[in-house]
C-alpha cells in the first residue's frame, strides 16, 4: 500500500509538471484571448485517458496496478477534465442522455457557482 501511494504521488508530480510545462508552452506560442494552454492540456488528457483505459481494459497490455498509477496519479494531476469526460462518455455510450446532460450541466454550473462563492469568500477575509 505504501509503495502504491508513493508511485501515485510520483506520477502525480510528473503529471503536474507536464500540465504546467505544456500549458505554458502552448500559451506562449498561441497567445490570443482563449486559454489555449488549458484547452490543449484537456484535449491531450482526454486522448491519453482513453488510450490508457483501452490498453488496460480491452487489450490487457497495461496491468491494473499500472493503470491505477497512470490514471489516478499522472492523469489525475495532469487534468481532471479527462475523468469528467470519461464519466460523461460512459453515460453517452449507454445512451443515458439525461445523465450525460445532467452531469455536464451540474458540474459546469456548480463549478462556476462555487468559483464565484470562493472568490467572495476570499474577499471577505
Protein backbone atom coordinates (compact mmCIF):
# COMPACT_ATOMS: atom_id res chain seq x y z
CA UNK A 1 0.00 0.00 0.00
CA UNK A 2 2.81 2.43 0.83
CA UNK A 3 4.58 1.63 -2.43
CA UNK A 4 1.36 2.21 -4.40
CA UNK A 5 0.82 5.58 -2.71
CA UNK A 6 4.42 6.59 -3.42
CA UNK A 7 4.09 5.64 -7.08
CA UNK A 8 0.79 7.53 -7.40
CA UNK A 9 2.38 10.55 -5.73
CA UNK A 10 5.39 10.47 -8.05
CA UNK A 11 3.16 10.04 -11.10
CA UNK A 12 1.06 12.94 -9.82
CA UNK A 13 4.12 15.14 -9.52
CA UNK A 14 5.09 14.28 -13.10
CA UNK A 15 1.53 14.99 -14.26
CA UNK A 16 1.58 18.38 -12.58
CA UNK A 17 4.90 19.29 -14.18
CA UNK A 18 3.70 18.07 -17.58
CA UNK A 19 0.49 20.11 -17.28
CA UNK A 20 2.37 23.24 -16.29
CA UNK A 21 5.02 22.83 -18.98
CA UNK A 22 2.63 22.05 -21.83
CA UNK A 23 0.11 24.70 -20.83
CA UNK A 24 2.82 27.35 -20.51
CA UNK A 25 4.41 26.41 -23.84
CA UNK A 26 1.10 26.41 -25.74
CA UNK A 27 0.01 29.64 -24.05
CA UNK A 28 3.20 31.41 -25.11
CA UNK A 29 3.03 30.05 -28.65
CA UNK A 30 -0.68 30.63 -29.28
CA UNK A 31 -1.38 33.87 -27.44
CA UNK A 32 -4.85 35.27 -28.07
CA UNK A 33 -7.86 35.58 -25.85
CA UNK A 34 -8.65 31.91 -25.26
CA UNK A 35 -6.75 29.84 -22.68
CA UNK A 36 -5.17 27.65 -25.36
CA UNK A 37 -2.76 26.01 -22.93
CA UNK A 38 -5.60 24.72 -20.78
CA UNK A 39 -7.65 23.71 -23.82
CA UNK A 40 -4.80 21.67 -25.30
CA UNK A 41 -3.98 20.04 -21.95
CA UNK A 42 -7.62 18.99 -21.57
CA UNK A 43 -7.77 17.59 -25.11
CA UNK A 44 -4.47 15.72 -24.74
CA UNK A 45 -5.61 14.47 -21.33
CA UNK A 46 -8.83 13.06 -22.77
CA UNK A 47 -6.90 11.29 -25.54
CA UNK A 48 -4.37 9.82 -23.09
CA UNK A 49 -7.10 8.71 -20.67
CA UNK A 50 -8.93 6.89 -23.46
CA UNK A 51 -5.72 5.33 -24.76
CA UNK A 52 -4.55 4.07 -21.36
CA UNK A 53 -8.02 2.81 -20.41
CA UNK A 54 -8.36 0.83 -23.64
CA UNK A 55 -4.84 -0.60 -23.43
CA UNK A 56 -5.55 -1.74 -19.88
CA UNK A 57 -9.19 -2.80 -20.12
CA UNK A 58 -9.54 -4.19 -23.64
CA UNK A 59 -6.05 -5.01 -24.87
CA UNK A 60 -4.66 -6.10 -21.48
CA UNK A 61 -1.32 -4.52 -22.38
CA UNK A 62 -1.26 -2.47 -19.17
CA UNK A 63 -1.90 -4.19 -15.84
CA UNK A 64 -4.41 -2.91 -13.29
CA UNK A 65 -1.75 -1.54 -10.94
CA UNK A 66 -0.07 0.47 -13.70
CA UNK A 67 -3.46 1.75 -14.88
CA UNK A 68 -4.16 2.99 -11.34
CA UNK A 69 -0.81 4.79 -11.16
CA UNK A 70 -1.12 6.33 -14.64
CA UNK A 71 -4.80 7.32 -14.47
CA UNK A 72 -5.03 8.13 -10.76
CA UNK A 73 -1.60 9.68 -10.40
CA UNK A 74 -0.34 11.17 -13.65
CA UNK A 75 -3.69 11.86 -15.31
CA UNK A 76 -5.30 12.98 -12.06
CA UNK A 77 -2.69 15.70 -11.76
CA UNK A 78 -2.42 16.41 -15.50
CA UNK A 79 -6.16 17.08 -15.83
CA UNK A 80 -9.31 16.02 -14.01
CA UNK A 81 -11.23 17.14 -17.08
CA UNK A 82 -10.37 13.83 -18.73
CA UNK A 83 -12.10 11.94 -15.90
CA UNK A 84 -15.16 14.18 -16.21
CA UNK A 85 -15.29 13.48 -19.96
CA UNK A 86 -14.70 9.74 -19.44
CA UNK A 87 -17.58 9.56 -16.95
CA UNK A 88 -19.86 11.54 -19.27
CA UNK A 89 -18.75 9.38 -22.20
CA UNK A 90 -19.87 6.31 -20.25
CA UNK A 91 -23.36 7.77 -19.99
CA UNK A 92 -23.34 8.55 -23.73
CA UNK A 93 -22.16 5.02 -24.62
CA UNK A 94 -25.04 3.62 -22.58
CA UNK A 95 -27.48 6.09 -24.23
CA UNK A 96 -28.22 7.62 -20.83
CA UNK A 97 -28.67 11.08 -22.31
CA UNK A 98 -30.33 12.62 -19.26
CA UNK A 99 -27.46 11.53 -17.02
CA UNK A 100 -24.88 12.74 -19.55
CA UNK A 101 -26.55 16.15 -19.89
CA UNK A 102 -27.16 16.35 -16.15
CA UNK A 103 -23.52 15.57 -15.40
CA UNK A 104 -22.33 18.27 -17.81
CA UNK A 105 -24.80 20.83 -16.51
CA UNK A 106 -24.30 20.01 -12.83
CA UNK A 107 -20.51 20.04 -12.91
CA UNK A 108 -20.23 23.11 -15.12
CA UNK A 109 -22.86 25.19 -13.35
CA UNK A 110 -21.80 24.20 -9.85
CA UNK A 111 -18.13 24.70 -10.75
CA UNK A 112 -18.83 28.24 -11.94
CA UNK A 113 -21.07 28.96 -8.96
CA UNK A 114 -18.53 27.74 -6.44
CA UNK A 115 -15.74 29.61 -8.18
CA UNK A 116 -17.61 32.85 -7.51
CA UNK A 117 -18.54 31.75 -3.97
CA UNK A 118 -14.85 31.06 -3.34
CA UNK A 119 -13.89 34.43 -4.79
CA UNK A 120 -16.41 36.13 -2.50
CA UNK A 121 -15.22 34.15 0.50
CA UNK A 122 -11.62 35.08 -0.26
CA UNK A 123 -12.56 38.75 -0.44
CA UNK A 124 -14.41 38.54 2.87
CA UNK A 125 -11.20 37.70 4.77
